[in-house]
Amino acid sequence: MSTLFVSDLHLDDARPRIVELFEHFCAGPARDADALYVLGDLFEAYIGDDDDATLNHRVASALRGVANAGVPVHFIVGNRDFLLGDDYARRCGMDILADGTVIDLYGTPTLILHGDVLCTDDEAYLDLRKQVREPAWQTAFLARPLRERRAFAAQARDASRAHTSTADMAIMDVNQAAVEHALREAGAERMIHGHTHRPAIHDFMLDGKRAQRIVLGDWYEQGSILHVDQSSATLQHEPAN
């Protein structure tokens, strides 16, 4: 048995094969896990728990199937689905964890987070993140009609693509000093995050001790799953048929 981690699925009707791959994952491998952690950006865009889109129902049904099989499902919001709330989480059968939660992963203290707060060199993004995480901003946004929220989400996606295409790639990656600070503050020796779409396992020394940072991959073209058990951590990729 192992614990599974995924992030940056960016599920969207525009990528039906990826949605089907996620449903297959939830109907199969996820139901045999000790636990499933979704570390943000489950959706390409999420505009509120009251969104009646068919995709939202399909995703909730898939995750509820995992939970009903007896597998704990945990979720941390990302930069695309920070509006996902308790109502939708209940429909999925999952609980929402704080960004930067420490878990005991088979005896190893492990810090889990979406990862965007580690990109401290991307000041423009962090300013935007601070704005949209304000309760007053979220309350005002959720009060708008669904059609307006959908239009806003489409504009936000375009703005994100423009920023990504022009910003220095190094700026959009995590800052190593921020990584080390987060591990020290958490008292953890391993970190697991997504956001950067650069799957890898990084081993390094921190204050004379071994430390590890595992980056999850995105699901734009294939599935990316981290399997962690008592003795190993393995990143696996699942092709979309």
Protein backbone atom coordinates (compact mmCIF):
# COMPACT_ATOMS: atom_id res chain seq x y z
CA MET A 1 0.00 0.00 0.00
CA SER A 2 1.11 3.57 -0.66
CA THR A 3 -0.07 7.13 -0.29
CA LEU A 4 -0.80 8.94 -3.55
CA PHE A 5 -0.27 12.62 -4.36
CA VAL A 6 -1.46 14.55 -7.40
CA SER A 7 -1.67 18.22 -8.30
CA ASP A 8 -2.13 20.55 -11.24
CA LEU A 9 -4.69 18.41 -13.00
CA HIS A 10 -6.27 21.55 -14.50
CA LEU A 11 -9.37 19.56 -15.39
CA ASP A 12 -11.29 21.24 -18.16
CA ASP A 13 -13.90 20.30 -20.75
CA ALA A 14 -11.36 21.27 -23.40
CA ARG A 15 -9.27 18.21 -22.43
CA PRO A 16 -11.80 15.36 -22.26
CA ARG A 17 -9.14 12.62 -22.36
CA ILE A 18 -7.55 13.99 -19.20
CA VAL A 19 -10.91 14.13 -17.45
CA GLU A 20 -11.49 10.49 -18.40
CA LEU A 21 -7.98 9.58 -17.22
CA PHE A 22 -8.72 11.17 -13.85
CA GLU A 23 -12.00 9.25 -13.55
CA HIS A 24 -10.15 6.03 -14.40
CA PHE A 25 -7.52 6.83 -11.77
CA CYS A 26 -10.21 7.42 -9.14
CA ALA A 27 -12.05 4.22 -10.08
CA GLY A 28 -8.87 2.14 -9.94
CA PRO A 29 -5.48 2.90 -8.35
CA ALA A 30 -6.76 5.59 -5.98
CA ARG A 31 -9.13 3.13 -4.29
CA ASP A 32 -6.23 0.89 -3.29
CA ALA A 33 -4.23 3.67 -1.61
CA ASP A 34 -3.69 4.40 2.07
CA ALA A 35 -4.72 7.98 1.31
CA LEU A 36 -5.05 10.41 -1.62
CA TYR A 37 -3.79 13.99 -1.47
CA VAL A 38 -4.73 16.55 -4.14
CA LEU A 39 -2.36 19.50 -3.79
CA GLY A 40 -4.23 22.17 -5.70
CA ASP A 41 -5.30 23.16 -9.20
CA LEU A 42 -7.75 20.31 -9.51
CA PHE A 43 -9.58 22.48 -12.05
CA GLU A 44 -8.33 24.78 -14.78
CA ALA A 45 -10.71 27.34 -13.28
CA TYR A 46 -13.09 27.17 -10.32
CA ILE A 47 -15.63 29.93 -9.82
CA GLY A 48 -17.53 28.79 -6.74
CA ASP A 49 -19.31 25.87 -5.12
CA ASP A 50 -22.58 26.96 -6.74
CA ASP A 51 -21.25 26.34 -10.26
CA ASP A 52 -23.58 23.80 -11.88
CA ALA A 53 -21.16 22.71 -14.62
CA THR A 54 -21.32 19.04 -15.58
CA LEU A 55 -17.55 18.74 -15.11
CA ASN A 56 -17.85 19.69 -11.46
CA HIS A 57 -20.41 16.92 -10.91
CA ARG A 58 -18.19 14.36 -12.67
CA VAL A 59 -15.15 15.26 -10.59
CA ALA A 60 -17.12 15.19 -7.34
CA SER A 61 -18.56 11.79 -8.23
CA ALA A 62 -15.10 10.40 -9.03
CA LEU A 63 -13.60 11.60 -5.75
CA ARG A 64 -16.64 10.50 -3.75
CA GLY A 65 -16.07 7.01 -5.14
CA VAL A 66 -12.55 7.04 -3.67
CA ALA A 67 -13.82 8.22 -0.30
CA ASN A 68 -16.63 5.65 -0.30
CA ALA A 69 -14.02 2.95 -0.86
CA GLY A 70 -12.56 3.87 2.52
CA VAL A 71 -9.63 5.95 1.28
CA PRO A 72 -9.16 9.33 3.02
CA VAL A 73 -9.10 12.14 0.46
CA HIS A 74 -7.35 15.40 1.36
CA PHE A 75 -7.22 18.64 -0.61
CA ILE A 76 -5.15 21.83 -0.56
CA VAL A 77 -6.34 24.73 -2.71
CA GLY A 78 -4.18 25.99 -5.54
CA ASN A 79 -4.03 29.22 -7.50
CA ARG A 80 -6.78 28.06 -9.88
CA ASP A 81 -9.25 26.64 -7.34
CA PHE A 82 -8.78 28.77 -4.22
CA LEU A 83 -12.56 29.36 -4.20
CA LEU A 84 -13.28 25.68 -3.63
CA GLY A 85 -15.12 25.55 -0.32
CA ASP A 86 -16.61 23.25 2.27
CA ASP A 87 -19.80 22.54 0.31
CA TYR A 88 -18.00 21.13 -2.72
CA ALA A 89 -15.50 19.33 -0.49
CA ARG A 90 -18.39 17.53 1.23
CA ARG A 91 -19.75 16.48 -2.14
CA CYS A 92 -16.35 15.01 -2.97
CA GLY A 93 -15.98 13.32 0.41
CA MET A 94 -12.70 15.12 1.05
CA ASP A 95 -11.37 17.48 3.69
CA ILE A 96 -9.59 20.75 3.01
CA LEU A 97 -6.17 21.15 4.62
CA ALA A 98 -4.32 24.40 5.21
CA ASP A 99 -1.63 25.22 2.67
CA GLY A 100 1.56 24.21 4.43
CA THR A 101 0.31 21.27 6.49
CA VAL A 102 2.79 18.84 8.04
CA ILE A 103 1.85 15.16 7.92
CA ASP A 104 3.56 12.09 9.29
CA LEU A 105 4.24 10.13 6.10
CA TYR A 106 5.36 6.66 7.20
CA GLY A 107 7.48 8.16 9.94
CA THR A 108 8.87 11.10 7.93
CA PRO A 109 7.60 14.60 8.83
CA THR A 110 6.48 15.94 5.46
CA LEU A 111 5.38 19.46 4.55
CA ILE A 112 2.69 19.53 1.86
CA LEU A 113 1.58 22.63 0.00
CA HIS A 114 0.53 23.79 -3.44
CA GLY A 115 3.86 25.51 -3.94
CA ASP A 116 3.04 28.97 -5.26
CA VAL A 117 4.08 30.70 -2.02
CA LEU A 118 7.61 29.39 -2.64
CA CYS A 119 7.91 31.38 -5.88
CA THR A 120 9.03 34.47 -4.00
CA ASP A 121 10.89 35.97 -6.97
CA ASP A 122 7.62 36.36 -8.92
CA GLU A 123 6.46 39.47 -7.09
CA ALA A 124 3.69 40.31 -9.58
CA TYR A 125 2.08 36.94 -9.03
CA LEU A 126 2.37 37.14 -5.24
CA ASP A 127 0.70 40.57 -5.27
CA LEU A 128 -2.21 39.12 -7.25
CA ARG A 129 -2.37 36.10 -4.95
CA LYS A 130 -2.65 38.35 -1.92
CA GLN A 131 -5.51 40.29 -3.51
CA VAL A 132 -7.67 37.32 -4.49
CA ARG A 133 -7.18 35.56 -1.14
CA GLU A 134 -8.75 38.50 0.72
CA PRO A 135 -12.16 37.47 2.16
CA ALA A 136 -13.74 40.74 0.99
CA TRP A 137 -12.58 40.15 -2.61
CA GLN A 138 -13.88 36.59 -2.57
CA THR A 139 -17.25 37.57 -1.09
CA ALA A 140 -17.72 40.23 -3.76
CA PHE A 141 -16.67 37.87 -6.54
CA LEU A 142 -18.96 35.04 -5.42
CA ALA A 143 -21.88 37.45 -5.29
CA ARG A 144 -21.60 38.05 -9.05
CA PRO A 145 -23.75 35.98 -11.48
CA LEU A 146 -22.20 32.77 -12.79
CA ARG A 147 -21.97 34.13 -16.35
CA GLU A 148 -19.87 37.06 -15.14
CA ARG A 149 -17.64 34.78 -13.09
CA ARG A 150 -17.11 32.50 -16.09
CA ALA A 151 -16.11 35.48 -18.23
CA PHE A 152 -13.73 36.70 -15.53
CA ALA A 153 -12.15 33.24 -15.26
CA ALA A 154 -11.58 33.16 -19.02
CA GLN A 155 -9.89 36.56 -18.89
CA ALA A 156 -7.78 35.45 -15.92
CA ARG A 157 -6.60 32.37 -17.83
CA ASP A 158 -5.55 34.56 -20.76
CA ALA A 159 -3.69 36.91 -18.41
CA SER A 160 -1.95 33.96 -16.76
CA ARG A 161 -0.81 32.61 -20.13
CA ALA A 162 0.51 36.04 -21.10
CA HIS A 163 2.42 36.36 -17.84
CA THR A 164 3.85 32.86 -18.20
CA SER A 165 4.97 33.50 -21.78
CA THR A 166 6.85 36.69 -20.93
CA ALA A 167 8.21 36.08 -17.43
CA ASP A 168 11.67 34.65 -16.81
CA MET A 169 11.35 30.89 -16.22
CA ALA A 170 13.69 31.12 -13.24
CA ILE A 171 11.42 33.70 -11.60
CA MET A 172 8.43 31.36 -11.85
CA ASP A 173 10.27 28.51 -10.15
CA VAL A 174 10.58 28.14 -6.39
CA ASN A 175 13.19 30.07 -4.46
CA GLN A 176 15.57 27.70 -2.66
CA ALA A 177 15.88 30.01 0.32
CA ALA A 178 12.07 30.01 0.63
CA VAL A 179 12.10 26.21 0.49
CA GLU A 180 14.67 25.94 3.24
CA HIS A 181 12.87 28.50 5.41
CA ALA A 182 9.56 26.65 5.04
CA LEU A 183 11.15 23.34 6.03
CA ARG A 184 12.82 24.87 9.07
CA GLU A 185 9.61 26.57 10.19
CA ALA A 186 7.65 23.33 9.79
CA GLY A 187 10.27 21.13 11.42
CA ALA A 188 10.05 18.82 8.41
CA GLU A 189 12.67 16.99 6.39
CA ARG A 190 10.61 16.40 3.26
CA MET A 191 8.44 18.71 1.17
CA ILE A 192 5.88 17.78 -1.49
CA HIS A 193 4.36 20.43 -3.75
CA GLY A 194 3.07 21.18 -7.22
CA HIS A 195 2.44 24.46 -9.09
CA THR A 196 5.66 24.71 -11.10
CA HIS A 197 4.90 21.75 -13.42
CA ARG A 198 8.52 20.59 -13.10
CA PRO A 199 8.27 17.03 -11.72
CA ALA A 200 11.43 15.93 -9.97
CA ILE A 201 12.84 14.65 -6.70
CA HIS A 202 15.48 16.96 -5.26
CA ASP A 203 17.77 15.72 -2.48
CA PHE A 204 19.89 18.27 -0.65
CA MET A 205 21.47 19.05 2.71
CA LEU A 206 19.75 21.38 5.16
CA ASP A 207 21.57 22.38 8.33
CA GLY A 208 23.76 19.29 8.08
CA LYS A 209 20.84 16.89 7.57
CA ARG A 210 19.37 15.23 4.51
CA ALA A 211 16.28 16.92 3.10
CA GLN A 212 14.09 16.26 0.10
CA ARG A 213 11.76 18.28 -2.12
CA ILE A 214 9.39 16.40 -4.41
CA VAL A 215 7.69 18.32 -7.21
CA LEU A 216 4.51 16.88 -8.72
CA GLY A 217 3.83 17.03 -12.43
CA ASP A 218 0.84 18.49 -14.24
CA TRP A 219 -1.91 16.62 -16.09
CA TYR A 220 -2.05 18.63 -19.30
CA GLU A 221 -0.89 15.79 -21.55
CA GLN A 222 -0.73 12.80 -19.18
CA GLY A 223 -1.35 11.78 -15.60
CA SER A 224 1.36 12.41 -13.01
CA ILE A 225 1.17 10.53 -9.70
CA LEU A 226 3.52 10.35 -6.75
CA HIS A 227 3.55 7.03 -4.88
CA VAL A 228 5.06 7.11 -1.38
CA ASP A 229 5.40 4.05 0.84
CA GLN A 230 7.53 2.99 3.78
CA SER A 231 10.72 2.77 1.76
CA SER A 232 10.46 4.89 -1.38
CA ALA A 233 8.92 7.79 -3.28
CA THR A 234 8.28 7.33 -6.99
CA LEU A 235 6.90 9.69 -9.61
CA GLN A 236 4.87 7.85 -12.24
CA HIS A 237 3.25 9.05 -15.45
CA GLU A 238 0.07 7.64 -16.94
CA PRO A 239 -0.59 8.18 -20.66
CA ALA A 240 -3.94 9.53 -21.77
CA ASN A 241 -5.42 7.15 -24.31
